Every structure is written in structure tokens, then in C-alpha cells.
């Protein structure tokens, strides 16, 4: 029974750690507003759009049509979305030594339309957002996130600084966007560089619509407007940003559910086991308990005796379980978010909860022991 209680404790603590981690993951600051946003993906095939100029024409016409959809407050096109894998490129930031391309810092890059910050709910912290005149013929400009500023220009004004992205000419920083979860929900925001889409026209596009109604209700109109630009253009992966966030936390949620099922099963078995052992002990000690009562033991004394036996049994298992958990939960550290594998609150809470459950499992046998008739117990001797 002590071994069973110890195993249950390990599972209970593991489940508790995952629950605390999941709650913190769900309440983390995303850096953007996912409510009322519909997103979708499309890919401009090389056969239909062999060069950047044709992609820009599609981008401009699609964006104009998307902004005209009734109920859409803001529409944007980008080459990535928060919490999704994004493009990376070597870049040199002003102030860094000039080195060959292969030795430059790798950063996240994303091409966006002017209304992307508004559509995604990302705050503009400093400078300006892109405008329609930031096109392929204008001077190269970029925006960066706060993580990039902290890393490359701490305590400096980033506006007006220059960045060399890949093999592109120097681009001037015109604005700073707030940090978003641009790698995963659990990871800290990575340095990111934003370019106007016409200045780096990628074939992979994401559409974002911020709506004043249920985002799914605009799905037919979104598809219709893309088809109006190109009848054969596919539009896939239509989801709200809230649905994408649910998918991003699916691994932690699934692991939490799996360990939760095992821990609940183990806890039930442990409770049944403790109850069975204590009930059997009371049945075996009926004569002894009857003699104790005949010699003056009160009902409270008998109750404490039986409950104490159950708690001592549970305490041994809890102690072993705590030691085992301290060693084993370190193996799940990679699954936890802002939660220590030896979180004292989880360990203490699990121990207290298990002790309470053990006391409850011992309660019925203890009540039965209190009602033993000493005459009947001695007669059956």
C-alpha cells in the first residue's frame, strides 16, 4: 500500500505541475489581440506568379478587396503569423562589425502590409508604421520588434538605424512594434525584422481580418474575394487566431490530460486500497477493539486509533512519493512553462490533498470501529 500511495503521489505531483504550467501558458502576455481575427493561408505558385512584380499585383488587388468586406475593421497580408514558424535570414545591424553573410546574426523576418499592426492588434511602440508609398520603388525601410532593440541597440534610439537583411541593400528603421510570441507560446520573443511586402514579396501569404462580428462568418466573403483576383488561387488553413493558439498549446494540454487520467486512476486505486486495508484491519481487530472499549476506551479514542493507522500508512507512501517525485519530475522540465520541476506549492499541495483523501478513506472503517459492541466482540472470542 505504501508503494501504491508513493506511485500515486508521483503521478499527482506530475499532473499538478502540468496544470500550473498550462494555466500560466494560457495567461501569458501574447503581445497581440487574438480576438475577432480570422486568418488564412495561400501560396502563389511559381507557374502563375514567377516573379515578385506579379506577386505584388496580386497582393495589392487582394488587399483592396479584403478591406471592402462588410464587417471587416482591418485587413492585412503577411508572410507569417504569431506563434507560427517564420522565415529567417542573416542580418547585420548598425553597430555590428561587417562580416561575411554566413557569419551574420540569424533573425526572424516577416513581410507585412501597412495595416498588419492594426489587424493583429500589435502596438506601435515608436516611430511609424508602413504606408502605401513604401513600395518596391521607394527607399528600403524596416520595422523591428522590441526584442531586436534590446539586443542590438540597448539604451539607443533605433529610429533611423540601418539594417542589412540578407543580400538586400541597407534598410532604415522607421518604427518599433511591441513584442509578440513569434516563436512559440513558451519561448521568449525573438528579434524580428518587418519589411513592406512589396520590398520582399514572398510566395507564401497569410491573410488576417479583424472583424466586428463572429470571424467565421466572414469566411465565405474572404474566399470569394481571393477567387475574384485569381479563380484558381487556393485559400487554405482558415482559422481564427484563438484556434491557432489552442493548437499551439495542444501538446501541453494533451500531456496534462494523459497524466491527469493516470493520476486520477492511481488516486482512486490508492483510496480504495487504503479503505480496504483499514476495513480489514478493523475486522481482524474486532475483539481487541471490544476489549479496549470494555476497559474504558472512548469512541473518540477508537476513532483516533483507526484514523491514525490509515494516516501512518499514507504518510509512509507520501514521504516516499515526495522523494521519488523530486528526482523524477526533473525529466519533465522541458514540458513546463515558468514552473519549476520542484515547485514547492505543487509538492506541498499534493501531499496535503493526499493526506486528506487518506483520512477520508479511513473515516468509514473508523466509524464502524466506534460502533463495536464490546459484549458481542467478547462473546465471539
Protein backbone atom coordinates (compact mmCIF):
# COMPACT_ATOMS: atom_id res chain seq x y z
CA UNK A 1 0.00 0.00 0.00
CA UNK A 2 2.84 2.40 0.76
CA UNK A 3 4.30 1.72 -2.70
CA UNK A 4 0.92 2.31 -4.30
CA UNK A 5 0.50 5.58 -2.45
CA UNK A 6 4.02 6.64 -3.49
CA UNK A 7 3.28 5.94 -7.16
CA UNK A 8 0.02 7.88 -6.91
CA UNK A 9 1.90 10.79 -5.35
CA UNK A 10 4.38 10.90 -8.24
CA UNK A 11 1.57 10.99 -10.79
CA UNK A 12 -0.42 13.53 -8.77
CA UNK A 13 2.55 15.88 -8.49
CA UNK A 14 3.33 15.50 -12.21
CA UNK A 15 -0.26 16.37 -13.07
CA UNK A 16 -0.18 19.34 -10.69
CA UNK A 17 2.98 20.71 -12.31
CA UNK A 18 1.45 20.42 -15.78
CA UNK A 19 -1.77 22.11 -14.65
CA UNK A 20 0.16 25.06 -13.17
CA UNK A 21 2.27 25.25 -16.32
CA UNK A 22 -0.79 25.12 -18.59
CA UNK A 23 -2.59 27.85 -16.64
CA UNK A 24 0.45 30.10 -16.92
CA UNK A 25 0.77 29.29 -20.62
CA UNK A 26 -2.85 30.26 -21.24
CA UNK A 27 -2.49 33.55 -19.36
CA UNK A 28 0.86 34.58 -20.85
CA UNK A 29 1.08 38.02 -22.46
CA UNK A 30 0.86 37.34 -26.21
CA UNK A 31 1.75 40.85 -27.29
CA UNK A 32 -1.24 40.96 -29.67
CA UNK A 33 -5.02 40.69 -29.52
CA UNK A 34 -6.30 37.37 -30.95
CA UNK A 35 -10.00 38.14 -30.50
CA UNK A 36 -12.19 38.59 -33.59
CA UNK A 37 -9.39 37.79 -36.04
CA UNK A 38 -9.73 35.37 -38.93
CA UNK A 39 -6.61 34.09 -40.67
CA UNK A 40 -5.98 32.03 -43.77
CA UNK A 41 -3.06 30.95 -45.92
CA UNK A 42 -2.44 30.99 -49.64
CA UNK A 43 0.56 30.17 -51.79
CA UNK A 44 1.41 31.95 -55.05
CA UNK A 45 2.68 29.21 -57.33
CA UNK A 46 5.77 29.89 -59.48
CA UNK A 47 3.78 28.95 -62.60
CA UNK A 48 1.23 31.74 -62.09
CA UNK A 49 3.47 34.21 -60.25
CA UNK A 50 7.04 33.65 -61.45
CA UNK A 51 8.47 36.98 -60.28
CA UNK A 52 7.97 39.50 -57.45
CA UNK A 53 6.19 42.05 -59.66
CA UNK A 54 3.29 39.65 -60.34
CA UNK A 55 3.07 38.75 -56.66
CA UNK A 56 2.87 42.44 -55.77
CA UNK A 57 -0.01 42.93 -58.20
CA UNK A 58 -1.88 40.03 -56.56
CA UNK A 59 -1.09 41.42 -53.10
CA UNK A 60 -2.37 44.89 -53.93
CA UNK A 61 -5.61 43.74 -55.54
CA UNK A 62 -6.33 41.12 -52.87
CA UNK A 63 -5.70 43.62 -50.08
CA UNK A 64 -8.02 46.17 -51.64
CA UNK A 65 -10.80 43.59 -51.97
CA UNK A 66 -10.33 42.20 -48.46
CA UNK A 67 -10.64 45.66 -46.93
CA UNK A 68 -14.00 46.11 -48.64
CA UNK A 69 -15.64 43.06 -46.98
CA UNK A 70 -18.62 44.19 -44.83
CA UNK A 71 -17.89 43.89 -41.12
CA UNK A 72 -14.11 43.87 -41.58
CA UNK A 73 -12.47 46.58 -39.50
CA UNK A 74 -8.97 45.97 -40.79
CA UNK A 75 -7.34 43.61 -43.31
CA UNK A 76 -3.69 42.67 -43.66
CA UNK A 77 -1.42 40.37 -45.61
CA UNK A 78 1.80 38.99 -44.16
CA UNK A 79 4.27 36.18 -44.72
CA UNK A 80 3.95 34.82 -41.17
CA UNK A 81 1.74 34.89 -38.10
CA UNK A 82 2.49 34.93 -34.38
CA UNK A 83 3.34 31.52 -32.80
CA UNK A 84 3.88 30.03 -36.28
CA UNK A 85 7.29 29.16 -37.74
CA UNK A 86 8.53 32.16 -39.68
CA UNK A 87 11.22 32.93 -42.22
CA UNK A 88 14.74 33.52 -41.03
CA UNK A 89 17.61 35.37 -42.66
CA UNK A 90 21.10 36.57 -41.80
CA UNK A 91 21.17 40.26 -40.94
CA UNK A 92 23.66 42.89 -39.85
CA UNK A 93 22.51 45.63 -37.53
CA UNK A 94 24.15 49.03 -37.49
CA UNK A 95 26.94 49.00 -34.96
CA UNK A 96 27.86 45.36 -35.55
CA UNK A 97 31.16 44.54 -37.28
CA UNK A 98 30.87 43.93 -41.00
CA UNK A 99 31.34 40.20 -41.63
CA UNK A 100 30.52 37.85 -44.48
CA UNK A 101 26.89 36.78 -44.94
CA UNK A 102 27.30 33.32 -43.41
CA UNK A 103 28.58 34.73 -40.11
CA UNK A 104 25.84 37.29 -39.56
CA UNK A 105 23.15 37.01 -36.91
CA UNK A 106 20.10 34.94 -37.91
CA UNK A 107 16.85 36.77 -37.15
CA UNK A 108 13.17 36.28 -37.93
CA UNK A 109 11.91 38.27 -40.90
CA UNK A 110 8.36 38.98 -41.99
CA UNK A 111 6.90 40.95 -44.89
CA UNK A 112 3.69 42.77 -43.97
CA UNK A 113 1.11 45.16 -45.34
CA UNK A 114 0.62 48.63 -43.79
CA UNK A 115 -2.39 47.66 -41.63
CA UNK A 116 -0.83 44.49 -40.18
CA UNK A 117 -0.26 46.02 -36.69
CA UNK A 118 -3.88 47.15 -36.51
CA UNK A 119 -5.31 43.89 -37.86
CA UNK A 120 -3.23 41.76 -35.49
CA UNK A 121 -3.56 44.12 -32.53
CA UNK A 122 0.18 44.71 -32.15
CA UNK A 123 1.03 48.09 -30.57
CA UNK A 124 3.27 50.55 -32.40
CA UNK A 125 5.77 51.50 -29.71
CA UNK A 126 7.88 54.05 -31.55
CA UNK A 127 8.14 55.69 -34.97
CA UNK A 128 5.66 54.99 -37.74
CA UNK A 129 4.03 52.01 -39.42
CA UNK A 130 4.44 51.26 -43.10
CA UNK A 131 2.39 53.22 -45.61
CA UNK A 132 1.31 52.55 -49.17
CA UNK A 133 4.23 54.54 -50.57
CA UNK A 134 6.70 52.06 -49.02
CA UNK A 135 6.80 50.08 -52.24
CA UNK A 136 9.37 48.35 -54.42
CA UNK A 137 10.46 51.67 -55.94
CA UNK A 138 10.96 53.55 -52.67
CA UNK A 139 13.90 53.57 -50.29
CA UNK A 140 14.16 50.32 -48.29
CA UNK A 141 12.61 50.60 -44.83
CA UNK A 142 12.01 48.18 -41.99
CA UNK A 143 10.38 47.95 -38.59
CA UNK A 144 11.75 45.90 -35.71
CA UNK A 145 10.32 44.49 -32.53
CA UNK A 146 11.38 45.47 -29.02
CA UNK A 147 13.43 42.28 -28.62
CA UNK A 148 15.65 43.39 -31.51
CA UNK A 149 16.08 46.84 -29.97
CA UNK A 150 17.04 45.35 -26.59
CA UNK A 151 19.57 43.06 -28.19
CA UNK A 152 21.22 45.29 -30.78
CA UNK A 153 20.61 48.87 -29.64
CA UNK A 154 20.09 48.90 -25.86
CA UNK A 155 19.64 52.40 -24.48
CA UNK A 156 19.71 53.83 -28.02
CA UNK A 157 17.08 55.32 -30.31
CA UNK A 158 16.52 52.73 -33.06
CA UNK A 159 14.69 55.10 -35.42
CA UNK A 160 16.98 55.93 -38.32
CA UNK A 161 19.34 53.00 -37.70
CA UNK A 162 20.23 50.75 -40.63
CA UNK A 163 19.83 47.00 -41.10
CA UNK A 164 21.21 44.83 -43.87
CA UNK A 165 18.85 41.85 -44.38
CA UNK A 166 20.33 39.02 -46.43
CA UNK A 167 21.72 40.40 -49.68
CA UNK A 168 19.36 43.39 -49.68
CA UNK A 169 20.73 46.94 -49.53
CA UNK A 170 20.68 48.84 -46.25
CA UNK A 171 17.18 49.46 -44.89
CA UNK A 172 16.32 52.26 -42.50
CA UNK A 173 14.36 51.55 -39.31
CA UNK A 174 11.19 53.66 -39.29
CA UNK A 175 9.22 52.03 -36.47
CA UNK A 176 9.26 49.67 -33.50
CA UNK A 177 6.47 47.17 -32.84
CA UNK A 178 5.68 45.56 -29.49
CA UNK A 179 6.97 42.07 -28.83
CA UNK A 180 4.73 39.17 -29.78
CA UNK A 181 5.09 35.45 -29.23
CA UNK A 182 6.77 34.94 -32.59
CA UNK A 183 8.37 31.54 -31.98
CA UNK A 184 6.15 29.61 -29.59
CA UNK A 185 3.93 30.35 -26.61
CA UNK A 186 6.56 29.10 -24.20
CA UNK A 187 9.57 30.87 -25.72
CA UNK A 188 10.56 34.48 -25.17
CA UNK A 189 10.03 36.79 -28.19
CA UNK A 190 12.91 36.58 -30.64
CA UNK A 191 14.39 39.58 -32.51
CA UNK A 192 12.30 40.15 -35.62
CA UNK A 193 12.56 42.44 -38.64
CA UNK A 194 9.46 43.53 -40.59
CA UNK A 195 9.63 44.65 -44.22
CA UNK A 196 6.95 46.13 -46.51
CA UNK A 197 5.65 43.27 -48.62
CA UNK A 198 6.46 44.97 -51.97
CA UNK A 199 10.12 45.15 -50.92
CA UNK A 200 10.34 41.40 -50.20
CA UNK A 201 7.50 39.64 -52.00
CA UNK A 202 7.35 36.05 -50.77
CA UNK A 203 5.04 33.47 -52.41
CA UNK A 204 3.68 32.35 -49.01
CA UNK A 205 0.96 34.68 -47.77
CA UNK A 206 -1.26 34.84 -44.71
CA UNK A 207 -4.45 36.87 -44.67
CA UNK A 208 -5.65 38.44 -41.40
CA UNK A 209 -9.08 40.00 -40.98
CA UNK A 210 -10.13 41.84 -37.82
CA UNK A 211 -13.90 41.78 -37.72
CA UNK A 212 -16.73 43.37 -35.76
CA UNK A 213 -18.63 40.05 -35.70
CA UNK A 214 -18.00 36.32 -35.48
CA UNK A 215 -14.81 35.90 -37.55
CA UNK A 216 -16.04 32.63 -39.12
CA UNK A 217 -18.99 34.48 -40.65
CA UNK A 218 -16.59 36.30 -43.00
CA UNK A 219 -15.03 33.08 -44.36
CA UNK A 220 -17.24 32.89 -47.49
CA UNK A 221 -16.51 36.53 -48.33
CA UNK A 222 -12.77 36.01 -47.81
CA UNK A 223 -12.74 33.04 -50.19
CA UNK A 224 -14.87 34.94 -52.72
CA UNK A 225 -12.53 37.93 -52.79
CA UNK A 226 -9.42 35.78 -53.29
CA UNK A 227 -11.15 33.86 -56.08
CA UNK A 228 -12.14 37.19 -57.66
CA UNK A 229 -8.44 38.03 -58.00
CA UNK A 230 -7.48 34.62 -59.37
CA UNK A 231 -10.11 31.92 -59.89
CA UNK A 232 -7.56 29.14 -59.42
CA UNK A 233 -5.89 30.53 -56.33
CA UNK A 234 -6.32 28.19 -53.32
CA UNK A 235 -7.12 29.53 -49.86
CA UNK A 236 -6.37 27.08 -47.05
CA UNK A 237 -5.95 26.75 -43.29
CA UNK A 238 -8.80 29.13 -42.43
CA UNK A 239 -8.76 29.56 -38.63
CA UNK A 240 -9.23 32.24 -36.05
CA UNK A 241 -6.13 33.28 -34.13
CA UNK A 242 -7.73 31.88 -30.98
CA UNK A 243 -7.96 28.48 -32.68
CA UNK A 244 -4.30 28.72 -33.67
CA UNK A 245 -3.39 29.46 -30.06
CA UNK A 246 -5.36 26.41 -28.95
CA UNK A 247 -3.36 24.30 -31.40
CA UNK A 248 -0.11 25.84 -30.17
CA UNK A 249 -0.85 24.67 -26.62
CA UNK A 250 -2.16 21.25 -27.70
CA UNK A 251 0.96 19.31 -26.68
CA UNK A 252 0.91 20.60 -23.11
CA UNK A 253 -2.86 20.09 -22.88
CA UNK A 254 -2.64 16.50 -24.19
CA UNK A 255 0.19 15.62 -21.82
CA UNK A 256 -1.72 17.17 -18.93
CA UNK A 257 -4.85 15.19 -19.83
CA UNK A 258 -2.92 11.91 -20.17
CA UNK A 259 -1.07 12.25 -16.87
CA UNK A 260 -4.30 13.52 -15.27
CA UNK A 261 -6.13 10.32 -16.26
CA UNK A 262 -3.33 8.15 -14.91
CA UNK A 263 -3.05 10.14 -11.68
CA UNK A 264 -6.83 10.08 -11.12
CA UNK A 265 -6.89 6.30 -11.67
CA UNK A 266 -3.92 5.78 -9.35
CA UNK A 267 -5.50 8.05 -6.72
CA UNK A 268 -8.77 6.10 -6.82
CA UNK A 269 -6.93 2.79 -6.52
CA UNK A 270 -4.90 4.12 -3.61
CA UNK A 271 -8.02 5.34 -1.82
CA UNK A 272 -9.77 2.01 -2.36
CA UNK A 273 -6.63 0.23 -1.17
CA UNK A 274 -6.34 2.29 2.00
CA UNK A 275 -10.03 1.79 2.72
CA UNK A 276 -9.74 -1.96 2.14
CA UNK A 277 -6.66 -2.33 4.34
CA UNK A 278 -8.14 -0.31 7.21
CA UNK A 279 -11.54 -2.04 6.92
CA UNK A 280 -9.83 -5.45 7.00
CA UNK A 281 -7.71 -4.34 9.95
CA UNK A 282 -10.83 -3.30 11.87
CA UNK A 283 -12.50 -6.64 11.12
CA UNK A 284 -9.40 -8.54 12.28
CA UNK A 285 -9.08 -6.44 15.45
CA UNK A 286 -12.75 -6.55 16.46
CA UNK A 287 -12.02 -8.45 19.69
CA UNK A 288 -9.09 -6.18 20.58
CA UNK A 289 -11.16 -3.08 19.98
CA UNK A 290 -14.01 -4.58 22.02
CA UNK A 291 -11.64 -5.20 24.92
CA UNK A 292 -10.32 -1.62 24.67
CA UNK A 293 -13.88 -0.30 24.85
CA UNK A 294 -14.70 -2.64 27.77
CA UNK A 295 -11.64 -1.33 29.63
CA UNK A 296 -12.78 2.26 29.24
CA UNK A 297 -11.61 3.46 25.82
CA UNK A 298 -13.95 6.11 24.47
CA UNK A 299 -15.38 6.24 20.96
CA UNK A 300 -13.04 9.14 20.23
CA UNK A 301 -10.05 7.02 21.29
CA UNK A 302 -11.08 4.21 18.92
CA UNK A 303 -11.70 6.70 16.14
CA UNK A 304 -8.23 8.25 16.57
CA UNK A 305 -6.62 4.82 16.68
CA UNK A 306 -8.11 3.68 13.39
CA UNK A 307 -7.64 7.01 11.63
CA UNK A 308 -4.06 7.12 12.89
CA UNK A 309 -3.32 3.72 11.36
CA UNK A 310 -4.62 4.91 7.99
CA UNK A 311 -2.67 8.16 8.12
CA UNK A 312 0.56 6.39 9.11
CA UNK A 313 0.17 4.12 6.12
CA UNK A 314 -0.46 7.11 3.84
CA UNK A 315 2.37 9.14 5.40
CA UNK A 316 4.92 6.46 4.55
CA UNK A 317 3.77 6.42 0.94
CA UNK A 318 3.62 10.23 0.76
CA UNK A 319 7.19 10.53 2.06
CA UNK A 320 8.47 8.00 -0.49
CA UNK A 321 6.42 9.68 -3.23
CA UNK A 322 7.83 13.12 -2.46
CA UNK A 323 11.41 11.86 -2.66
CA UNK A 324 10.71 9.98 -5.89
CA UNK A 325 8.91 12.98 -7.39
CA UNK A 326 11.79 15.29 -6.55
CA UNK A 327 14.04 13.09 -8.69
CA UNK A 328 11.63 12.13 -11.47
CA UNK A 329 9.85 15.42 -12.21
CA UNK A 330 13.15 16.88 -13.43
CA UNK A 331 12.67 14.68 -16.50
CA UNK A 332 9.58 16.68 -17.48
CA UNK A 333 11.21 20.10 -17.05
CA UNK A 334 11.14 20.68 -20.82
CA UNK A 335 7.33 20.39 -20.79
CA UNK A 336 6.87 23.07 -18.13
CA UNK A 337 6.39 26.79 -18.69
CA UNK A 338 7.52 29.18 -15.96
CA UNK A 339 7.06 26.36 -13.45
CA UNK A 340 9.90 24.69 -11.55
CA UNK A 341 10.07 20.91 -11.69
CA UNK A 342 10.36 21.05 -7.90
CA UNK A 343 7.65 23.67 -7.38
CA UNK A 344 7.11 23.72 -3.58
CA UNK A 345 3.44 24.74 -3.82
CA UNK A 346 2.62 21.74 -6.02
CA UNK A 347 4.58 19.34 -3.81
CA UNK A 348 3.02 20.63 -0.59
CA UNK A 349 -0.47 20.85 -2.07
CA UNK A 350 -0.31 17.28 -3.40
CA UNK A 351 0.88 15.95 -0.04
CA UNK A 352 -1.88 17.75 1.86
CA UNK A 353 -4.51 16.65 -0.66
CA UNK A 354 -3.39 13.04 -0.46
CA UNK A 355 -3.35 13.12 3.36
CA UNK A 356 -6.91 14.47 3.32
CA UNK A 357 -8.02 11.76 0.91
CA UNK A 358 -6.33 9.10 3.05
CA UNK A 359 -8.14 10.41 6.13
CA UNK A 360 -11.43 10.25 4.22
CA UNK A 361 -10.69 6.67 3.14
CA UNK A 362 -10.09 5.73 6.79
CA UNK A 363 -13.20 7.51 8.04
CA UNK A 364 -15.79 4.81 7.30
CA UNK A 365 -13.81 1.96 8.91
CA UNK A 366 -13.16 4.24 11.90
CA UNK A 367 -16.88 4.97 12.26
CA UNK A 368 -17.59 1.25 12.10
CA UNK A 369 -15.00 0.59 14.80
CA UNK A 370 -16.64 3.16 17.09
CA UNK A 371 -19.92 1.20 16.97
CA UNK A 372 -18.41 -2.12 18.07
CA UNK A 373 -20.37 -3.65 20.94
CA UNK A 374 -17.81 -4.96 23.49
CA UNK A 375 -20.21 -7.69 24.69
CA UNK A 376 -20.68 -9.07 21.19
CA UNK A 377 -16.94 -8.79 20.49
CA UNK A 378 -16.02 -10.74 23.64
CA UNK A 379 -18.77 -13.34 23.06
CA UNK A 380 -17.35 -14.14 19.61
CA UNK A 381 -13.86 -14.74 21.06
